[in-house]
Amino acid sequence: MAESERQFIKEAADFFHNPGVVARGLAWIGRPLEAAQAQLPQKVQRAISQASRKAVEKALQAAVVSLEGTAAAGSEPGRRSPKSVPWAPPQSHGDFSARLHKGATGLLGVLSGFWGAPGFLLELPLTTVLILRGIADQARLAGHDLNDFEVRLECLMVFCFGTDSPKDDAMESSYFLTRALHAKIIREASVFVSKMSAQQFAEALKTGGAPLLVRLISQVAQAFEVRVTQKFLAEALPVAGALGGAALNFAFTDFYCGVAKYHFGLRQLEKKYSVEFVQQEFRDASRRSSAGGL
C-alpha cells in the first residue's frame, strides 16, 4: 500500500474520530435543540417527520433519475461497471465542489429563514437534493461510476451516517456498523431500480407500491430526521431564523460532503485491496488517533 493511501486512511480515521469544529458545533447545538424537540406538539413532530420523508423521496428520485457519470468502457447506464477507476488521492477540486455546494445551501437557508416554518417546508427538499449532488461529486472524484445504481443509492445512504446526537455511538465505531446495516437494502434496491423505466420508478415512488423502496426511504428518513429537527427549530422564527438556517445548511453540507469524501475513498481502496485489509488499517489508524498519535 502506497504512503498516500495510508495517509488517506489515517485522515479518514481522524475525521470519523473527530469530525471537526463544524460537526462538534452541530453536536453542541443539537443538545438544547433535542431538549426543545421534546416540547414540540405531536402535530409539529409529525410534520417534521413527513418533511424528512418527503425530502428523502426527492433525493432518492434525484439519485435514480438524474445523477450521471462517465461510464467505464463497456458499461451501461445503471449497471455495475466492469472495471473501476484506480484510486487517487483526493484532488483540490473536490474541496472546491464542497465549497460550492455549501455556498448554495447556505443561501437557501438564508432565504427560507426569513419566512420561518413555511419557508422551511419549501426549502428542505431543494437543500437535500443539493447536498446529495455534493455527495455525488465526492463519489465521482473518488473514482466511482455514477452510472452504477448501487453507487447512486450509496450517495443517499450517506445521510444515515453519524448524526452527532448524544443518542449515537462514537462515529468511528458506528461507521462500519451503519454500512453493514444498510448494505443489503442498498444492493437489493439497486438491482430493483435498474430494471425499471423512469416512468415505472416515478409511479412506484408516488404510490408507495414498491415495499423495498418504502423501506429504504424509511431507513434514511429516520436518520436524517435528527438533522431536520435541528434545522426546523433553528429557522422557526422568521428573519432571525435566516442566520440559523444559513449556518446549519452550511454545516450540514460540510459534514455530509466530508463523510462522502472519506466513505467513497475507503470504498475505492477496498476494491483495490480488500475490505478486510482496508478496514483493519482503518481500525489501527483509529486506535492510534484515540491514543494521541502514538
Protein backbone atom coordinates (compact mmCIF):
# COMPACT_ATOMS: atom_id res chain seq x y z
CA MET A 1 0.00 0.00 0.00
CA ALA A 2 1.35 3.40 -1.01
CA GLU A 3 2.12 6.01 1.63
CA SER A 4 -0.51 8.36 0.17
CA GLU A 5 -3.13 5.64 0.65
CA ARG A 6 -2.12 5.04 4.26
CA GLN A 7 -2.23 8.79 4.84
CA PHE A 8 -5.76 8.94 3.41
CA ILE A 9 -6.89 6.13 5.73
CA LYS A 10 -5.34 7.99 8.66
CA GLU A 11 -7.20 11.17 7.67
CA ALA A 12 -10.44 9.18 7.36
CA ALA A 13 -9.94 7.66 10.81
CA ASP A 14 -9.19 11.11 12.24
CA PHE A 15 -12.33 12.51 10.60
CA PHE A 16 -14.65 9.84 11.96
CA HIS A 17 -12.97 10.02 15.35
CA ASN A 18 -13.08 13.81 15.45
CA PRO A 19 -15.13 15.21 12.53
CA GLY A 20 -14.10 18.81 13.08
CA VAL A 21 -15.23 22.10 14.54
CA VAL A 22 -18.41 22.28 12.44
CA ALA A 23 -19.60 18.80 13.44
CA ARG A 24 -18.77 19.45 17.10
CA GLY A 25 -20.77 22.65 16.81
CA LEU A 26 -23.70 20.65 15.47
CA ALA A 27 -23.46 18.29 18.42
CA TRP A 28 -23.32 21.24 20.83
CA ILE A 29 -26.31 22.91 19.16
CA GLY A 30 -28.13 19.60 18.99
CA ARG A 31 -28.32 19.11 22.76
CA PRO A 32 -30.54 22.10 23.57
CA LEU A 33 -32.45 21.59 20.32
CA GLU A 34 -33.18 17.97 21.22
CA ALA A 35 -34.49 19.19 24.57
CA ALA A 36 -36.70 21.68 22.72
CA GLN A 37 -37.87 18.92 20.37
CA ALA A 38 -39.34 17.02 23.32
CA GLN A 39 -41.58 20.03 23.97
CA LEU A 40 -42.87 20.23 20.40
CA PRO A 41 -46.56 19.37 19.91
CA GLN A 42 -47.17 15.95 18.36
CA LYS A 43 -48.67 17.65 15.32
CA VAL A 44 -45.42 19.55 14.69
CA GLN A 45 -43.28 16.45 15.23
CA ARG A 46 -45.40 14.55 12.70
CA ALA A 47 -44.99 17.42 10.22
CA ILE A 48 -41.19 17.28 10.67
CA SER A 49 -41.22 13.50 10.09
CA GLN A 50 -43.29 13.94 6.96
CA ALA A 51 -40.99 16.72 5.71
CA SER A 52 -37.94 14.49 6.31
CA ARG A 53 -39.53 11.66 4.38
CA LYS A 54 -40.54 13.93 1.50
CA ALA A 55 -37.01 15.35 1.29
CA VAL A 56 -35.54 11.83 1.19
CA GLU A 57 -38.05 10.84 -1.52
CA LYS A 58 -36.91 13.81 -3.62
CA ALA A 59 -33.27 12.89 -3.02
CA LEU A 60 -33.96 9.26 -3.99
CA GLN A 61 -35.66 10.44 -7.17
CA ALA A 62 -32.67 12.64 -7.98
CA ALA A 63 -30.26 9.78 -7.23
CA VAL A 64 -32.05 7.33 -9.52
CA VAL A 65 -33.15 9.62 -12.34
CA SER A 66 -30.69 12.48 -12.68
CA LEU A 67 -27.28 11.53 -11.25
CA GLU A 68 -24.97 10.65 -14.11
CA GLY A 69 -21.29 9.98 -14.53
CA THR A 70 -18.75 8.96 -17.10
CA ALA A 71 -19.15 5.24 -17.55
CA ALA A 72 -16.15 2.95 -17.68
CA ALA A 73 -15.53 1.34 -21.05
CA GLY A 74 -18.15 -1.31 -21.80
CA SER A 75 -20.58 -0.31 -19.05
CA GLU A 76 -24.25 0.54 -19.45
CA PRO A 77 -26.19 3.26 -17.61
CA GLY A 78 -27.35 1.99 -14.27
CA ARG A 79 -25.23 -1.18 -14.44
CA ARG A 80 -22.14 -2.08 -12.46
CA SER A 81 -19.03 -1.10 -14.40
CA PRO A 82 -16.76 -3.98 -15.43
CA LYS A 83 -13.77 -2.06 -14.21
CA SER A 84 -13.28 0.82 -11.81
CA VAL A 85 -11.14 3.91 -11.96
CA PRO A 86 -7.88 3.48 -9.99
CA TRP A 87 -7.76 5.11 -6.57
CA ALA A 88 -6.09 8.51 -6.43
CA PRO A 89 -5.58 10.94 -3.53
CA PRO A 90 -8.42 13.48 -3.14
CA GLN A 91 -8.00 16.41 -5.52
CA SER A 92 -8.31 20.09 -4.76
CA HIS A 93 -11.39 20.49 -6.95
CA GLY A 94 -13.17 18.12 -4.54
CA ASP A 95 -12.80 20.82 -1.90
CA PHE A 96 -13.99 23.40 -4.44
CA SER A 97 -17.10 21.30 -5.12
CA ALA A 98 -17.85 21.10 -1.39
CA ARG A 99 -17.43 24.88 -1.02
CA LEU A 100 -19.74 25.48 -3.99
CA HIS A 101 -22.49 23.31 -2.54
CA LYS A 102 -22.04 24.81 0.94
CA GLY A 103 -22.50 28.27 -0.53
CA ALA A 104 -25.63 27.26 -2.44
CA THR A 105 -27.29 25.54 0.53
CA GLY A 106 -26.29 28.40 2.84
CA LEU A 107 -28.05 30.86 0.52
CA LEU A 108 -31.17 28.68 0.53
CA GLY A 109 -31.01 28.65 4.33
CA VAL A 110 -30.98 32.45 4.41
CA LEU A 111 -33.96 32.70 2.07
CA SER A 112 -36.04 30.11 3.92
CA GLY A 113 -35.09 31.50 7.33
CA PHE A 114 -36.71 34.83 6.53
CA TRP A 115 -40.04 33.01 6.17
CA GLY A 116 -39.76 30.79 9.23
CA ALA A 117 -41.55 27.42 9.27
CA PRO A 118 -43.39 27.88 5.91
CA GLY A 119 -40.08 28.62 4.18
CA PHE A 120 -38.54 25.54 5.80
CA LEU A 121 -41.08 23.20 4.18
CA LEU A 122 -40.42 24.63 0.72
CA GLU A 123 -36.65 24.80 1.02
CA LEU A 124 -35.83 21.45 2.68
CA PRO A 125 -36.24 19.23 -0.43
CA LEU A 126 -34.12 21.64 -2.51
CA THR A 127 -31.36 21.73 0.09
CA THR A 128 -31.40 17.94 0.46
CA VAL A 129 -31.02 17.40 -3.29
CA LEU A 130 -28.19 19.97 -3.44
CA ILE A 131 -26.37 18.19 -0.61
CA LEU A 132 -26.91 14.88 -2.45
CA ARG A 133 -25.26 16.36 -5.54
CA GLY A 134 -22.31 17.45 -3.40
CA ILE A 135 -22.09 13.89 -2.05
CA ALA A 136 -22.23 12.50 -5.60
CA ASP A 137 -19.38 14.80 -6.66
CA GLN A 138 -17.22 13.31 -3.90
CA ALA A 139 -18.10 9.79 -5.09
CA ARG A 140 -17.20 10.67 -8.67
CA LEU A 141 -13.92 12.28 -7.66
CA ALA A 142 -13.03 9.16 -5.65
CA GLY A 143 -13.29 7.17 -8.90
CA HIS A 144 -16.78 5.67 -8.60
CA ASP A 145 -19.09 5.38 -11.59
CA LEU A 146 -22.35 7.27 -11.06
CA ASN A 147 -23.92 5.20 -13.83
CA ASP A 148 -23.97 2.36 -11.29
CA PHE A 149 -27.25 2.48 -9.35
CA GLU A 150 -25.57 0.99 -6.28
CA VAL A 151 -23.19 3.95 -6.15
CA ARG A 152 -26.12 6.36 -6.57
CA LEU A 153 -28.01 4.77 -3.68
CA GLU A 154 -24.86 4.78 -1.55
CA CYS A 155 -24.86 8.56 -2.05
CA LEU A 156 -28.31 8.58 -0.45
CA MET A 157 -27.07 6.32 2.36
CA VAL A 158 -24.54 8.99 3.39
CA PHE A 159 -27.45 10.77 5.11
CA CYS A 160 -27.54 7.85 7.57
CA PHE A 161 -24.01 8.36 8.85
CA GLY A 162 -23.24 9.86 12.26
CA THR A 163 -25.83 12.36 13.37
CA ASP A 164 -23.52 13.51 16.20
CA SER A 165 -26.50 13.24 18.53
CA PRO A 166 -25.86 12.28 22.17
CA LYS A 167 -28.00 9.23 21.35
CA ASP A 168 -25.44 8.00 18.82
CA ASP A 169 -22.32 5.92 19.33
CA ALA A 170 -18.91 7.42 18.56
CA MET A 171 -18.65 7.89 14.81
CA GLU A 172 -15.51 5.84 14.35
CA SER A 173 -17.24 2.80 15.91
CA SER A 174 -20.59 3.36 14.18
CA TYR A 175 -19.23 3.99 10.67
CA PHE A 176 -18.82 0.31 9.70
CA LEU A 177 -21.95 -0.66 11.64
CA THR A 178 -24.00 1.85 9.62
CA ARG A 179 -22.56 0.46 6.40
CA ALA A 180 -23.39 -3.09 7.42
CA LEU A 181 -26.94 -2.20 8.44
CA HIS A 182 -27.75 -0.65 5.07
CA ALA A 183 -25.61 -2.73 2.70
CA LYS A 184 -28.24 -5.38 1.96
CA ILE A 185 -31.07 -2.99 1.16
CA ILE A 186 -28.77 -0.82 -0.99
CA ARG A 187 -27.77 -3.86 -3.05
CA GLU A 188 -31.34 -5.11 -3.40
CA ALA A 189 -32.78 -1.68 -4.21
CA SER A 190 -30.09 -1.00 -6.83
CA VAL A 191 -30.96 -4.23 -8.67
CA PHE A 192 -34.67 -3.41 -8.36
CA VAL A 193 -34.49 0.12 -9.78
CA SER A 194 -32.06 -0.90 -12.54
CA LYS A 195 -34.89 -2.98 -14.05
CA MET A 196 -37.41 -0.10 -14.04
CA SER A 197 -38.04 2.66 -16.51
CA ALA A 198 -38.08 6.24 -15.23
CA GLN A 199 -41.86 6.24 -15.53
CA GLN A 200 -42.23 2.99 -13.59
CA PHE A 201 -39.91 4.28 -10.89
CA ALA A 202 -41.82 7.57 -10.56
CA GLU A 203 -45.11 5.69 -10.29
CA ALA A 204 -43.74 3.31 -7.64
CA LEU A 205 -42.42 6.28 -5.66
CA LYS A 206 -45.72 8.13 -5.94
CA THR A 207 -47.98 5.23 -4.97
CA GLY A 208 -45.69 3.54 -2.46
CA GLY A 209 -46.25 0.35 -4.43
CA ALA A 210 -42.66 -0.91 -4.04
CA PRO A 211 -42.08 -2.15 -0.44
CA LEU A 212 -38.30 -2.22 -0.97
CA LEU A 213 -38.21 1.49 -1.83
CA VAL A 214 -40.58 2.29 1.04
CA ARG A 215 -38.19 0.52 3.43
CA LEU A 216 -35.16 2.32 2.01
CA ILE A 217 -36.83 5.73 2.32
CA SER A 218 -37.94 4.96 5.89
CA GLN A 219 -34.43 3.96 7.00
CA VAL A 220 -32.77 7.05 5.55
CA ALA A 221 -35.53 9.41 6.72
CA GLN A 222 -35.33 8.11 10.29
CA ALA A 223 -31.64 9.01 10.50
CA PHE A 224 -31.99 12.28 8.58
CA GLU A 225 -34.85 13.46 10.81
CA VAL A 226 -32.38 14.31 13.60
CA ARG A 227 -30.78 16.96 11.36
CA VAL A 228 -34.12 18.14 10.01
CA THR A 229 -35.44 18.76 13.52
CA GLN A 230 -32.36 20.86 14.36
CA LYS A 231 -32.93 22.83 11.18
CA PHE A 232 -36.65 23.38 11.85
CA LEU A 233 -36.05 24.71 15.35
CA ALA A 234 -33.22 26.97 14.18
CA GLU A 235 -35.43 28.50 11.46
CA ALA A 236 -38.70 28.65 13.40
CA LEU A 237 -38.53 32.40 13.98
CA PRO A 238 -38.87 34.47 10.79
CA VAL A 239 -35.94 36.76 9.88
CA ALA A 240 -33.92 35.72 12.96
CA GLY A 241 -34.03 32.19 11.53
CA ALA A 242 -32.16 33.33 8.41
CA LEU A 243 -28.82 33.27 10.23
CA GLY A 244 -29.53 29.94 11.87
CA GLY A 245 -30.78 28.46 8.61
CA ALA A 246 -27.70 29.54 6.69
CA ALA A 247 -25.33 28.31 9.41
CA LEU A 248 -26.98 24.91 9.72
CA ASN A 249 -27.24 24.38 5.95
CA PHE A 250 -23.54 25.23 5.65
CA ALA A 251 -22.70 22.86 8.50
CA PHE A 252 -24.85 20.02 7.16
CA THR A 253 -23.31 20.29 3.69
CA ASP A 254 -19.78 20.44 5.12
CA PHE A 255 -20.42 17.38 7.28
CA TYR A 256 -22.06 15.19 4.64
CA CYS A 257 -19.51 16.10 1.94
CA GLY A 258 -16.76 15.20 4.41
CA VAL A 259 -18.40 11.86 5.17
CA ALA A 260 -18.78 11.20 1.43
CA LYS A 261 -15.15 12.08 0.67
CA TYR A 262 -13.82 9.53 3.13
CA HIS A 263 -16.53 6.91 2.69
CA PHE A 264 -16.14 6.68 -1.09
CA GLY A 265 -12.36 6.94 -0.86
CA LEU A 266 -12.29 3.99 1.55
CA ARG A 267 -14.67 2.02 -0.67
CA GLN A 268 -12.38 2.54 -3.65
CA LEU A 269 -9.38 1.34 -1.65
CA GLU A 270 -11.37 -1.73 -0.61
CA LYS A 271 -11.84 -2.54 -4.31
CA LYS A 272 -8.11 -2.19 -4.91
CA TYR A 273 -7.01 -4.28 -1.93
CA SER A 274 -9.73 -5.99 0.12
CA VAL A 275 -12.48 -4.97 2.53
CA GLU A 276 -10.79 -6.79 5.43
CA PHE A 277 -7.36 -5.26 4.81
CA VAL A 278 -8.56 -1.66 4.48
CA GLN A 279 -10.92 -1.88 7.45
CA GLN A 280 -8.13 -3.27 9.62
CA GLU A 281 -5.86 -0.43 8.52
CA PHE A 282 -8.68 1.99 9.42
CA ARG A 283 -9.15 0.45 12.88
CA ASP A 284 -5.40 0.55 13.55
CA ALA A 285 -5.30 4.21 12.50
CA SER A 286 -8.36 4.95 14.65
CA ARG A 287 -6.72 3.39 17.69
CA ARG A 288 -3.59 5.46 17.11
CA SER A 289 -5.78 8.58 16.77
CA SER A 290 -7.53 7.78 20.05
CA ALA A 291 -4.15 7.31 21.70
CA GLY A 292 -2.96 10.70 20.52
CA GLY A 293 -0.95 9.53 17.54
CA LEU A 294 1.23 7.07 19.41
